[in-house]
Every structure is written in C-alpha cells, then in structure tokens.
C-alpha atoms as a PDB file:
ATOM      1  CA  MET A   1      -7.131   6.031  11.358  1.00  0.00           C
ATOM      2  CA  HIS A   2      -6.240   2.756   9.467  1.00  0.00           C
ATOM      3  CA  GLN A   3      -7.220   2.644   5.315  1.00  0.00           C
ATOM      4  CA  ARG A   4     -10.526   1.195   4.180  1.00  0.00           C
ATOM      5  CA  LEU A   5      -9.422  -1.563   2.413  1.00  0.00           C
ATOM      6  CA  CYS A   6     -10.713  -3.996   0.047  1.00  0.00           C
ATOM      7  CA  PHE A   7      -9.155  -7.024  -1.326  1.00  0.00           C
ATOM      8  CA  PRO A   8      -9.678 -10.080  -3.730  1.00  0.00           C
ATOM      9  CA  VAL A   9     -11.106 -14.070  -1.797  1.00  0.00           C
ATOM     10  CA  ASN A  10      -7.886 -15.224   0.296  1.00  0.00           C
ATOM     11  CA  HIS A  11      -6.045 -12.096   0.929  1.00  0.00           C
ATOM     12  CA  TYR A  12      -6.160 -10.354   4.656  1.00  0.00           C
ATOM     13  CA  PRO A  13      -4.427  -9.386   7.244  1.00  0.00           C
ATOM     14  CA  PRO A  14      -2.843 -12.361   9.409  1.00  0.00           C
ATOM     15  CA  THR A  15      -2.896 -12.118  13.307  1.00  0.00           C
ATOM     16  CA  ILE A  16      -0.071 -11.720  15.305  1.00  0.00           C
ATOM     17  CA  LEU A  17       0.226 -15.091  15.927  1.00  0.00           C
ATOM     18  CA  GLN A  18       0.237 -15.902  12.371  1.00  0.00           C
ATOM     19  CA  ARG A  19       2.942 -13.848  11.266  1.00  0.00           C
ATOM     20  CA  LYS A  20       4.795 -15.572  13.926  1.00  0.00           C
ATOM     21  CA  ARG A  21       4.369 -19.307  13.405  1.00  0.00           C
ATOM     22  CA  TYR A  22       5.152 -17.727   9.451  1.00  0.00           C
ATOM     23  CA  TYR A  23       8.550 -16.407  10.798  1.00  0.00           C
ATOM     24  CA  SER A  24       9.325 -19.020  13.112  1.00  0.00           C
ATOM     25  CA  ASP A  25       8.409 -22.028  11.280  1.00  0.00           C
ATOM     26  CA  GLU A  26       8.143 -21.056   7.379  1.00  0.00           C
ATOM     27  CA  PHE A  27      10.701 -18.394   6.534  1.00  0.00           C
ATOM     28  CA  ASP A  28      13.192 -19.602   5.066  1.00  0.00           C
ATOM     29  CA  MET A  29      16.451 -17.816   5.431  1.00  0.00           C
ATOM     30  CA  GLU A  30      18.553 -19.967   3.798  1.00  0.00           C
ATOM     31  CA  LYS A  31      16.507 -18.535   0.311  1.00  0.00           C
ATOM     32  CA  VAL A  32      16.999 -15.098   1.831  1.00  0.00           C
ATOM     33  CA  LYS A  33      20.731 -15.356   1.986  1.00  0.00           C
ATOM     34  CA  GLN A  34      20.661 -17.045  -1.575  1.00  0.00           C
ATOM     35  CA  TRP A  35      18.760 -13.833  -2.932  1.00  0.00           C
ATOM     36  CA  PHE A  36      21.490 -11.457  -1.770  1.00  0.00           C
ATOM     37  CA  ASP A  37      24.798 -13.537  -2.064  1.00  0.00           C
ATOM     38  CA  ARG A  38      24.442 -13.179  -5.895  1.00  0.00           C
ATOM     39  CA  LEU A  39      24.236  -9.221  -5.371  1.00  0.00           C
ATOM     40  CA  PRO A  40      27.794  -6.876  -4.638  1.00  0.00           C
ATOM     41  CA  GLN A  41      28.877  -7.138  -1.939  1.00  0.00           C
ATOM     42  CA  PRO A  42      27.578  -4.284   0.250  1.00  0.00           C
ATOM     43  CA  LEU A  43      24.283  -5.549  -0.208  1.00  0.00           C
ATOM     44  CA  ARG A  44      24.980  -9.042   1.209  1.00  0.00           C
ATOM     45  CA  ASN A  45      24.161  -7.681   4.680  1.00  0.00           C
ATOM     46  CA  PRO A  46      22.127  -4.304   4.309  1.00  0.00           C
ATOM     47  CA  ILE A  47      19.898  -2.204   6.724  1.00  0.00           C
ATOM     48  CA  PHE A  48      16.625  -3.951   7.210  1.00  0.00           C
ATOM     49  CA  SER A  49      13.695  -2.200   8.259  1.00  0.00           C
ATOM     50  CA  VAL A  50      10.630  -3.101   9.916  1.00  0.00           C
ATOM     51  CA  ASP A  51       6.698  -2.039  10.212  1.00  0.00           C
ATOM     52  CA  VAL A  52       4.866  -3.787  13.248  1.00  0.00           C
ATOM     53  CA  GLY A  53       1.786  -3.001  12.294  1.00  0.00           C
ATOM     54  CA  THR A  54       1.005   0.676  10.679  1.00  0.00           C
ATOM     55  CA  GLU A  55      -1.558   0.029   7.667  1.00  0.00           C
ATOM     56  CA  SER A  56      -3.590  -3.127   9.420  1.00  0.00           C
ATOM     57  CA  GLY A  57      -3.525  -1.661  13.022  1.00  0.00           C
ATOM     58  CA  ILE A  58      -2.373  -4.836  14.179  1.00  0.00           C
ATOM     59  CA  ALA A  59       0.697  -4.796  16.608  1.00  0.00           C
ATOM     60  CA  ARG A  60       2.359  -7.013  19.614  1.00  0.00           C
ATOM     61  CA  ASN A  61       1.315  -5.301  22.243  1.00  0.00           C
ATOM     62  CA  ASN A  62       4.803  -3.682  23.481  1.00  0.00           C
ATOM     63  CA  LEU A  63       5.534  -2.853  20.242  1.00  0.00           C
ATOM     64  CA  LYS A  64       2.176  -0.838  19.609  1.00  0.00           C
ATOM     65  CA  SER A  65       3.150   2.370  20.351  1.00  0.00           C
ATOM     66  CA  PHE A  66       6.215   1.810  17.158  1.00  0.00           C
ATOM     67  CA  ARG A  67       2.734   1.897  14.898  1.00  0.00           C
ATOM     68  CA  GLY A  68       3.738   4.688  12.199  1.00  0.00           C
ATOM     69  CA  LYS A  69       7.538   4.449  12.353  1.00  0.00           C
ATOM     70  CA  MET A  70       9.996   2.512  10.500  1.00  0.00           C
ATOM     71  CA  LEU A  71      12.096   0.318  12.863  1.00  0.00           C
ATOM     72  CA  LEU A  72      15.575  -0.043  11.295  1.00  0.00           C
ATOM     73  CA  VAL A  73      17.547  -3.334  12.141  1.00  0.00           C
ATOM     74  CA  SER A  74      21.351  -3.439  11.403  1.00  0.00           C
ATOM     75  CA  LEU A  75      22.756  -7.032  11.507  1.00  0.00           C
ATOM     76  CA  THR A  76      26.549  -8.403  12.210  1.00  0.00           C
ATOM     77  CA  GLU A  77      25.567 -11.495   9.989  1.00  0.00           C
ATOM     78  CA  ILE A  78      22.378 -11.660   7.643  1.00  0.00           C
ATOM     79  CA  THR A  79      21.328 -14.747   8.946  1.00  0.00           C
ATOM     80  CA  GLU A  80      20.500 -13.074  12.667  1.00  0.00           C
ATOM     81  CA  LEU A  81      17.284 -11.564  11.067  1.00  0.00           C
ATOM     82  CA  LYS A  82      15.301 -14.819  11.524  1.00  0.00           C
ATOM     83  CA  GLY A  83      15.728 -14.265  15.330  1.00  0.00           C
ATOM     84  CA  LYS A  84      14.513 -10.665  14.970  1.00  0.00           C
ATOM     85  CA  LEU A  85      11.703 -11.363  13.092  1.00  0.00           C
ATOM     86  CA  VAL A  86      10.295 -13.803  15.389  1.00  0.00           C
ATOM     87  CA  GLU A  87      10.686 -11.296  17.953  1.00  0.00           C
ATOM     88  CA  TYR A  88       9.344  -8.764  16.417  1.00  0.00           C
ATOM     89  CA  SER A  89       6.721 -10.628  14.320  1.00  0.00           C
ATOM     90  CA  PRO A  90       5.887  -7.904  12.207  1.00  0.00           C
ATOM     91  CA  GLU A  91       3.451  -6.666   9.473  1.00  0.00           C
ATOM     92  CA  ASP A  92       5.993  -6.188   6.901  1.00  0.00           C
ATOM     93  CA  VAL A  93       9.742  -6.224   6.576  1.00  0.00           C
ATOM     94  CA  TYR A  94      12.144  -4.422   4.048  1.00  0.00           C
ATOM     95  CA  TYR A  95      15.678  -3.889   2.975  1.00  0.00           C
ATOM     96  CA  ASP A  96      17.734  -0.699   1.875  1.00  0.00           C
ATOM     97  CA  ARG A  97      18.758  -1.098  -1.518  1.00  0.00           C
ATOM     98  CA  ASN A  98      21.262   1.989  -1.018  1.00  0.00           C
ATOM     99  CA  ILE A  99      25.063   1.065  -1.290  1.00  0.00           C
ATOM    100  CA  TYR A 100      27.286   2.875   1.024  1.00  0.00           C
ATOM    101  CA  GLU A 101      30.452   3.874   1.951  1.00  0.00           C
ATOM    102  CA  ASP A 102      29.597   3.316   5.563  1.00  0.00           C
ATOM    103  CA  LYS A 103      25.947   1.905   6.132  1.00  0.00           C
ATOM    104  CA  GLU A 104      26.645   2.677  10.137  1.00  0.00           C
ATOM    105  CA  LYS A 105      26.483   6.391   9.614  1.00  0.00           C
ATOM    106  CA  CYS A 106      23.188   6.085   7.452  1.00  0.00           C
ATOM    107  CA  ILE A 107      21.571   4.387  10.995  1.00  0.00           C
ATOM    108  CA  GLU A 108      22.484   7.539  12.610  1.00  0.00           C
ATOM    109  CA  CYS A 109      21.575  10.011  10.212  1.00  0.00           C
ATOM    110  CA  LYS A 110      18.330  11.429  11.446  1.00  0.00           C
ATOM    111  CA  LYS A 111      18.470  12.757   7.327  1.00  0.00           C
ATOM    112  CA  HIS A 112      15.997  10.857   5.241  1.00  0.00           C
ATOM    113  CA  GLY A 113      13.936  12.595   2.823  1.00  0.00           C
ATOM    114  CA  GLU A 114      14.636  12.578  -0.764  1.00  0.00           C
ATOM    115  CA  LYS A 115      16.398  15.418  -1.359  1.00  0.00           C
ATOM    116  CA  ASP A 116      18.913  15.153   1.413  1.00  0.00           C
ATOM    117  CA  CYS A 117      19.494  11.511   0.426  1.00  0.00           C
ATOM    118  CA  SER A 118      19.730  12.279  -3.189  1.00  0.00           C
ATOM    119  CA  ARG A 119      22.833  14.607  -2.105  1.00  0.00           C
ATOM    120  CA  CYS A 120      24.286  11.991   0.394  1.00  0.00           C
ATOM    121  CA  THR A 121      28.070  11.674  -0.793  1.00  0.00           C
ATOM    122  CA  ASN A 122      27.973   8.314   1.830  1.00  0.00           C
ATOM    123  CA  ILE A 123      25.562   6.844  -0.904  1.00  0.00           C
ATOM    124  CA  ILE A 124      27.466   4.965  -3.474  1.00  0.00           C
ATOM    125  CA  GLY A 125      24.981   3.175  -5.603  1.00  0.00           C
ATOM    126  CA  GLN A 126      21.641   1.451  -5.272  1.00  0.00           C
ATOM    127  CA  HIS A 127      19.446  -1.568  -6.388  1.00  0.00           C
ATOM    128  CA  ILE A 128      17.145  -0.196  -8.877  1.00  0.00           C
ATOM    129  CA  MET A 129      13.678  -1.521  -8.945  1.00  0.00           C
ATOM    130  CA  PHE A 130      10.552  -0.506 -10.180  1.00  0.00           C
ATOM    131  CA  ASP A 131       7.478  -1.418  -8.323  1.00  0.00           C
ATOM    132  CA  VAL A 132       4.859  -1.484 -10.600  1.00  0.00           C
ATOM    133  CA  ASP A 133       1.703  -1.969  -7.914  1.00  0.00           C
ATOM    134  CA  PRO A 134      -2.715  -1.786  -8.396  1.00  0.00           C
ATOM    135  CA  GLU A 135      -2.990   1.844  -7.095  1.00  0.00           C
ATOM    136  CA  ASN A 136      -1.464   3.366 -10.332  1.00  0.00           C
ATOM    137  CA  ILE A 137      -3.369   2.215 -12.700  1.00  0.00           C
ATOM    138  CA  ASP A 138      -7.056   3.284 -13.547  1.00  0.00           C
ATOM    139  CA  CYS A 139      -9.692   0.346 -12.680  1.00  0.00           C
ATOM    140  CA  PRO A 140     -13.602   0.361 -12.968  1.00  0.00           C
ATOM    141  CA  ASN A 141     -13.875  -1.068  -9.647  1.00  0.00           C
ATOM    142  CA  CYS A 142     -11.197   0.684  -7.619  1.00  0.00           C
ATOM    143  CA  GLY A 143     -10.745   4.037  -9.325  1.00  0.00           C
ATOM    144  CA  ASN A 144      -7.306   5.789  -9.916  1.00  0.00           C
ATOM    145  CA  LEU A 145      -4.686   7.324  -7.518  1.00  0.00           C
ATOM    146  CA  GLY A 146      -6.859  10.162  -6.419  1.00  0.00           C
ATOM    147  CA  GLU A 147     -10.125   8.838  -5.836  1.00  0.00           C
ATOM    148  CA  ARG A 148      -8.341   5.748  -3.968  1.00  0.00           C
ATOM    149  CA  MET A 149      -6.822   8.461  -1.223  1.00  0.00           C
ATOM    150  CA  LYS A 150      -9.718  10.287  -0.965  1.00  0.00           C
ATOM    151  CA  ARG A 151     -11.659   7.467   0.172  1.00  0.00           C
ATOM    152  CA  LYS A 152      -8.655   6.452   2.179  1.00  0.00           C
ATOM    153  CA  SER A 153      -8.306   3.281   0.330  1.00  0.00           C
ATOM    154  CA  MET A 154      -5.000   3.546  -1.310  1.00  0.00           C
ATOM    155  CA  TYR A 155      -3.714  -0.026  -1.015  1.00  0.00           C
ATOM    156  CA  GLY A 156      -6.510  -1.923  -1.636  1.00  0.00           C
ATOM    157  CA  PHE A 157      -7.368  -3.542  -4.982  1.00  0.00           C
ATOM    158  CA  CYS A 158      -9.116  -6.377  -7.236  1.00  0.00           C
ATOM    159  CA  TYR A 159      -8.210  -8.733  -9.537  1.00  0.00           C
ATOM    160  CA  ILE A 160      -9.090  -6.322 -12.757  1.00  0.00           C
ATOM    161  CA  CYS A 161      -6.009  -3.870 -11.598  1.00  0.00           C
ATOM    162  CA  PHE A 162      -4.287  -6.650 -10.283  1.00  0.00           C
ATOM    163  CA  LYS A 163      -4.549  -8.282 -13.923  1.00  0.00           C
ATOM    164  CA  GLU A 164      -3.434  -5.269 -15.242  1.00  0.00           C
ATOM    165  CA  ALA A 165      -0.555  -4.839 -12.969  1.00  0.00           C
ATOM    166  CA  ALA A 166       0.710  -7.825 -14.089  1.00  0.00           C
ATOM    167  CA  ALA A 167       0.615  -7.267 -18.011  1.00  0.00           C
ATOM    168  CA  ASN A 168       2.264  -3.979 -17.421  1.00  0.00           C
ATOM    169  CA  THR A 169       5.305  -5.886 -15.700  1.00  0.00           C
ATOM    170  CA  VAL A 170       5.820  -8.012 -18.700  1.00  0.00           C
ATOM    171  CA  LYS A 171       5.498  -5.176 -21.103  1.00  0.00           C
ATOM    172  CA  LEU A 172       7.960  -3.402 -18.597  1.00  0.00           C
ATOM    173  CA  HIS A 173      10.112  -6.292 -18.676  1.00  0.00           C
ATOM    174  CA  GLU A 174      10.144  -6.381 -22.666  1.00  0.00           C
ATOM    175  CA  ILE A 175      10.919  -2.978 -22.906  1.00  0.00           C
ATOM    176  CA  LEU A 176      13.640  -3.143 -20.303  1.00  0.00           C
ATOM    177  CA  LEU A 177      15.131  -6.218 -22.577  1.00  0.00           C
ATOM    178  CA  GLN A 178      14.913  -4.116 -25.906  1.00  0.00           C
ATOM    179  CA  LYS A 179      16.624  -1.437 -24.159  1.00  0.00           C
ATOM    180  CA  GLY A 180      19.601  -3.321 -23.877  1.00  0.00           C
ATOM    181  CA  TYR A 181      19.041  -4.416 -19.957  1.00  0.00           C
ATOM    182  CA  LYS A 182      20.094  -8.083 -19.536  1.00  0.00           C
ATOM    183  CA  LYS A 183      19.682  -9.229 -16.236  1.00  0.00           C
ATOM    184  CA  LEU A 184      16.540  -8.485 -14.621  1.00  0.00           C
ATOM    185  CA  GLU A 185      14.736 -10.073 -11.089  1.00  0.00           C
ATOM    186  CA  VAL A 186      11.053 -10.370 -10.833  1.00  0.00           C
ATOM    187  CA  ILE A 187       9.373 -10.211  -7.697  1.00  0.00           C
ATOM    188  CA  TYR A 188       5.774 -10.718  -6.579  1.00  0.00           C
ATOM    189  CA  SER A 189       5.050  -8.150  -3.633  1.00  0.00           C
ATOM    190  CA  GLY A 190       2.000  -9.489  -2.308  1.00  0.00           C
ATOM    191  CA  ARG A 191      -0.027  -6.501  -4.548  1.00  0.00           C
ATOM    192  CA  GLY A 192       1.873  -6.199  -7.521  1.00  0.00           C
ATOM    193  CA  PHE A 193       5.130  -6.932  -9.008  1.00  0.00           C
ATOM    194  CA  HIS A 194       8.836  -5.618  -8.708  1.00  0.00           C
ATOM    195  CA  ILE A 195      11.396  -5.664 -11.517  1.00  0.00           C
ATOM    196  CA  TYR A 196      15.156  -5.078 -10.306  1.00  0.00           C
ATOM    197  CA  LEU A 197      17.777  -3.888 -12.690  1.00  0.00           C
ATOM    198  CA  GLU A 198      20.724  -6.056 -11.868  1.00  0.00           C
ATOM    199  CA  ASP A 199      23.185  -5.464 -14.836  1.00  0.00           C
ATOM    200  CA  PRO A 200      26.486  -4.726 -13.153  1.00  0.00           C
ATOM    201  CA  GLU A 201      26.498  -0.767 -13.998  1.00  0.00           C
ATOM    202  CA  SER A 202      23.712   0.042 -12.734  1.00  0.00           C
ATOM    203  CA  TYR A 203      24.609  -0.288  -9.253  1.00  0.00           C
ATOM    204  CA  THR A 204      26.819   2.735  -9.171  1.00  0.00           C
ATOM    205  CA  TRP A 205      23.975   5.037 -10.914  1.00  0.00           C
ATOM    206  CA  THR A 206      23.812   8.219  -9.575  1.00  0.00           C
ATOM    207  CA  PHE A 207      20.351   9.663  -8.602  1.00  0.00           C
ATOM    208  CA  GLN A 208      20.090  12.084 -11.449  1.00  0.00           C
ATOM    209  CA  GLN A 209      20.747   8.729 -13.931  1.00  0.00           C
ATOM    210  CA  ARG A 210      18.413   6.724 -12.191  1.00  0.00           C
ATOM    211  CA  ASN A 211      15.480   9.987 -12.194  1.00  0.00           C
ATOM    212  CA  TRP A 212      15.946   9.883 -15.939  1.00  0.00           C
ATOM    213  CA  LEU A 213      15.498   5.931 -16.082  1.00  0.00           C
ATOM    214  CA  ALA A 214      11.958   6.781 -14.400  1.00  0.00           C
ATOM    215  CA  LYS A 215      11.141   9.195 -17.074  1.00  0.00           C
ATOM    216  CA  TRP A 216      12.019   7.342 -19.863  1.00  0.00           C
ATOM    217  CA  ALA A 217      10.173   4.371 -18.430  1.00  0.00           C
ATOM    218  CA  LYS A 218       6.620   6.296 -17.426  1.00  0.00           C
ATOM    219  CA  GLU A 219       6.885   8.715 -20.388  1.00  0.00           C
ATOM    220  CA  GLU A 220       8.162   6.748 -23.434  1.00  0.00           C
ATOM    221  CA  GLY A 221       7.303   3.208 -22.170  1.00  0.00           C
ATOM    222  CA  LYS A 222       3.976   4.239 -20.977  1.00  0.00           C
ATOM    223  CA  MET A 223       3.974   2.372 -17.985  1.00  0.00           C
ATOM    224  CA  PRO A 224       2.032   3.483 -14.860  1.00  0.00           C
ATOM    225  CA  ILE A 225       5.090   2.824 -12.503  1.00  0.00           C
ATOM    226  CA  ASP A 226       6.227   4.944  -8.962  1.00  0.00           C
ATOM    227  CA  THR A 227       9.295   6.976 -10.200  1.00  0.00           C
ATOM    228  CA  TRP A 228       9.919   8.111  -6.837  1.00  0.00           C
ATOM    229  CA  VAL A 229      10.776   4.448  -6.212  1.00  0.00           C
ATOM    230  CA  THR A 230      13.087   3.881  -8.945  1.00  0.00           C
ATOM    231  CA  ARG A 231      14.858   7.236  -8.442  1.00  0.00           C
ATOM    232  CA  GLY A 232      15.476   6.531  -5.353  1.00  0.00           C
ATOM    233  CA  GLY A 233      13.332   8.511  -3.315  1.00  0.00           C
ATOM    234  CA  THR A 234      12.502   5.514  -1.145  1.00  0.00           C
ATOM    235  CA  ARG A 235      15.183   3.117  -0.489  1.00  0.00           C
ATOM    236  CA  PHE A 236      13.179   0.272   0.715  1.00  0.00           C
ATOM    237  CA  ALA A 237      11.886  -2.636  -0.935  1.00  0.00           C
ATOM    238  CA  ARG A 238      10.187  -5.402   0.644  1.00  0.00           C
ATOM    239  CA  LEU A 239      12.556  -8.513   1.526  1.00  0.00           C
ATOM    240  CA  PRO A 240      11.870 -11.185  -0.790  1.00  0.00           C
ATOM    241  CA  TYR A 241      10.392 -14.521   1.265  1.00  0.00           C
ATOM    242  CA  SER A 242       9.040 -12.096   4.108  1.00  0.00           C
ATOM    243  CA  LEU A 243       5.214 -11.655   4.776  1.00  0.00           C
ATOM    244  CA  HIS A 244       2.836  -9.107   3.133  1.00  0.00           C
ATOM    245  CA  GLY A 245       1.378  -8.060   6.538  1.00  0.00           C
ATOM    246  CA  LEU A 246      -2.240  -6.440   4.367  1.00  0.00           C
ATOM    247  CA  VAL A 247      -3.139  -9.678   2.369  1.00  0.00           C
ATOM    248  CA  GLY A 248      -1.242 -12.742   4.029  1.00  0.00           C
ATOM    249  CA  LYS A 249       0.895 -13.437   0.784  1.00  0.00           C
ATOM    250  CA  ILE A 250       4.594 -14.648   0.503  1.00  0.00           C
ATOM    251  CA  VAL A 251       6.852 -12.105  -1.204  1.00  0.00           C
ATOM    252  CA  THR A 252       7.879 -14.492  -4.043  1.00  0.00           C
ATOM    253  CA  PRO A 253      10.706 -14.378  -6.529  1.00  0.00           C
ATOM    254  CA  ILE A 254       8.882 -15.418  -9.834  1.00  0.00           C
ATOM    255  CA  ASP A 255       9.767 -16.022 -13.582  1.00  0.00           C
ATOM    256  CA  ILE A 256       8.764 -13.660 -16.273  1.00  0.00           C
ATOM    257  CA  GLY A 257       6.709 -16.334 -18.069  1.00  0.00           C
ATOM    258  CA  GLU A 258       4.502 -16.628 -14.695  1.00  0.00           C
ATOM    259  CA  VAL A 259       3.222 -12.996 -14.188  1.00  0.00           C
ATOM    260  CA  SER A 260       0.614 -13.384 -16.725  1.00  0.00           C
ATOM    261  CA  THR A 261      -0.766 -16.332 -15.033  1.00  0.00           C
ATOM    262  CA  ILE A 262      -0.461 -15.876 -11.450  1.00  0.00           C
ATOM    263  CA  SER A 263      -2.968 -16.702  -8.968  1.00  0.00           C
ATOM    264  CA  PRO A 264      -2.417 -15.717  -5.917  1.00  0.00           C
ATOM    265  CA  SER A 265      -5.444 -16.460  -4.341  1.00  0.00           C
ATOM    266  CA  ARG A 266      -4.981 -20.449  -5.710  1.00  0.00           C
ATOM    267  CA  ASP A 267      -1.275 -20.702  -5.417  1.00  0.00           C
ATOM    268  CA  LYS A 268      -0.087 -22.575  -2.029  1.00  0.00           C
ATOM    269  CA  ARG A 269       3.156 -21.209  -2.649  1.00  0.00           C
ATOM    270  CA  LEU A 270       2.264 -17.738  -2.274  1.00  0.00           C
ATOM    271  CA  THR A 271       0.231 -18.370   1.343  1.00  0.00           C
ATOM    272  CA  PRO A 272       1.493 -19.197   4.814  1.00  0.00           C
ATOM    273  CA  THR A 273       0.672 -23.019   6.196  1.00  0.00           C
ATOM    274  CA  SER A 274      -1.564 -21.157   8.868  1.00  0.00           C
ATOM    275  CA  LEU A 275      -3.817 -18.763   6.454  1.00  0.00           C
ATOM    276  CA  ILE A 276      -4.493 -21.470   3.537  1.00  0.00           C
ATOM    277  CA  SER A 277      -8.174 -22.327   4.061  1.00  0.00           C
ATOM    278  CA  GLU A 278      -9.228 -25.824   4.698  1.00  0.00           C
ATOM    279  CA  LYS A 279     -12.678 -27.993   3.383  1.00  0.00           C
ATOM    280  CA  ILE A 280     -13.692 -29.955   6.507  1.00  0.00           C
ATOM    281  CA  GLY A 281     -17.166 -31.310   6.207  1.00  0.00           C
ATOM    282  CA  GLY A 282     -18.142 -30.016   3.026  1.00  0.00           C
ATOM    283  CA  ALA A 283     -17.579 -26.521   4.780  1.00  0.00           C
ATOM    284  CA  THR A 284     -14.511 -23.667   4.199  1.00  0.00           C
ATOM    285  CA  THR A 285     -12.709 -22.778   7.085  1.00  0.00           C
ATOM    286  CA  LYS A 286      -9.662 -21.380   8.415  1.00  0.00           C
ATOM    287  CA  LYS A 287      -6.743 -22.536  10.356  1.00  0.00           C
ATOM    288  CA  LYS A 288      -7.341 -20.576  13.764  1.00  0.00           C
ATOM    289  CA  GLY A 289      -4.053 -18.698  14.719  1.00  0.00           C
END
C-alpha cells in the first residue's frame, strides 16, 4: 500500500513522461560530475542506485515488478549515468557514500544490513552525512514520527515542519563549525536538507566513530536527526541534481545562507520546467506531461 501523503502547494509526484523529460532535457551531467570531482578519488564514480517507483507507485510498465527494490548501477564512466536515467525514468536516484577497496565486491555481496556492513573489511570510509528531514520533527499539523508512521504518511510534510527542518539545519551547521569542522556542504533534498562533512580526515572514520558523532549531534547538540544515516546504517544518499520523485523538486546544493529563506514552492531553480505552473488567461494550469 502506498503512503497517504500530503505536501505543500506545488509539490506533487511527476509523471513518467515528466521524469523522462527532466533527465533527457534538464538534468545537468556536467554539474553532477563537478560535484563528485571534488571528492576523494574512490567517490568520483560511485555505485548508483535507482528506485523505479516504490513510494509514488508510478513506474514504467516494464519496470513495475521492480517496485520495492533498489536497482544498483555500476558504470565504467560516471558520464554514462544520464543515459541510464533517461532509460529508467526513476522515482529517485541515489549514490553510495561508502569508500571501498573494491566496489564490485559490494555489488556482488548479498549482505546489506547495517550489522553486516559495519563489519565489512571492504569498506574503508564514507562520505559522512547528516539528514535533517521534517518527519523527525514534532509538528502540530503532521504529528510526531510515530503518529506519521501509524497513519502511513511518514514522508508527508507541511511548511511548519519544513521551516523547522531549515532552522535545525542552520543550527547544526553552526554547531559543527564550533566543533572544529571546516568543510561542510549543504544540499536541499526535496523534503529537507543534508549536511555533508568534508574535512579530509572524516572520510576514513570507522562505523564506531560515525556512530559517536551521530549520538553527539542528537544528544548534546539536541538535533532531531536520523542517526542511522550519519553512522552509515544506510549507505545511500540522494544524488545532487536528481529529481525527488514524490515532490517533483530538484535535489540542489545551496549556500547555508539560503537555507532559512528558501521557498521551494516559488523558487524556479528547484522545479523542472515541465512541472512549473503557468498562468494562461488568468487561470493557473500545469504544463502537460
């Protein structure tokens, strides 16, 4: 059963045709390559993963049997990704944050649980990320996480909890700077925000070190984050410049100074052309896909 979701205005799942048009006409592979090129060498062509339509239920007819599964994509060159995304027209696209001795061994591995991966000797590091999303916030409209899950509406959100997530992102960014971390990257994820730790030494932290950092941020920093993400329980993160398939927004790197004022419903940078509303004859319509 698909989740019963409620989103702010101008947030809605794109059609298959709109997804395909975005990846064919607007997806900027050069920006993606530039984003990865500043990372350590093993992360410059990571494992990618696509979700063809698990949450929205919208998937290409020939891929509907793969809903509920993550399809791994390993490429010889990162520039091959664009063609794959046009072919799949997926709901969501992710990249593997782990740094491996041999990434092909990971693709062949059948064990992908948190416990198994935390003990894997093939993993030698990770791109550390903090996930600040609305569902981790107690919202007067949307409720707490437990209430959202009970209603099967975990991924829904309103502007109250989105704005609170934005404020928490700014606070967490400041806390990390005060802690001594210098290189931080902020991403608007479509529903919330990601903060990446990019100080050189952080890439080789162990699972235990990342777990300590996650607990410190949540308990001492009082940040409502998903600690499972920061410690590496999930190795995947949304691909910058990809399309969030539940809300129709572009996953976008932003400056920390923009976070507190960002308005995804109105900011055209964050919405594909095929999803931007047009006013015709005084009436508001959406471009047909």
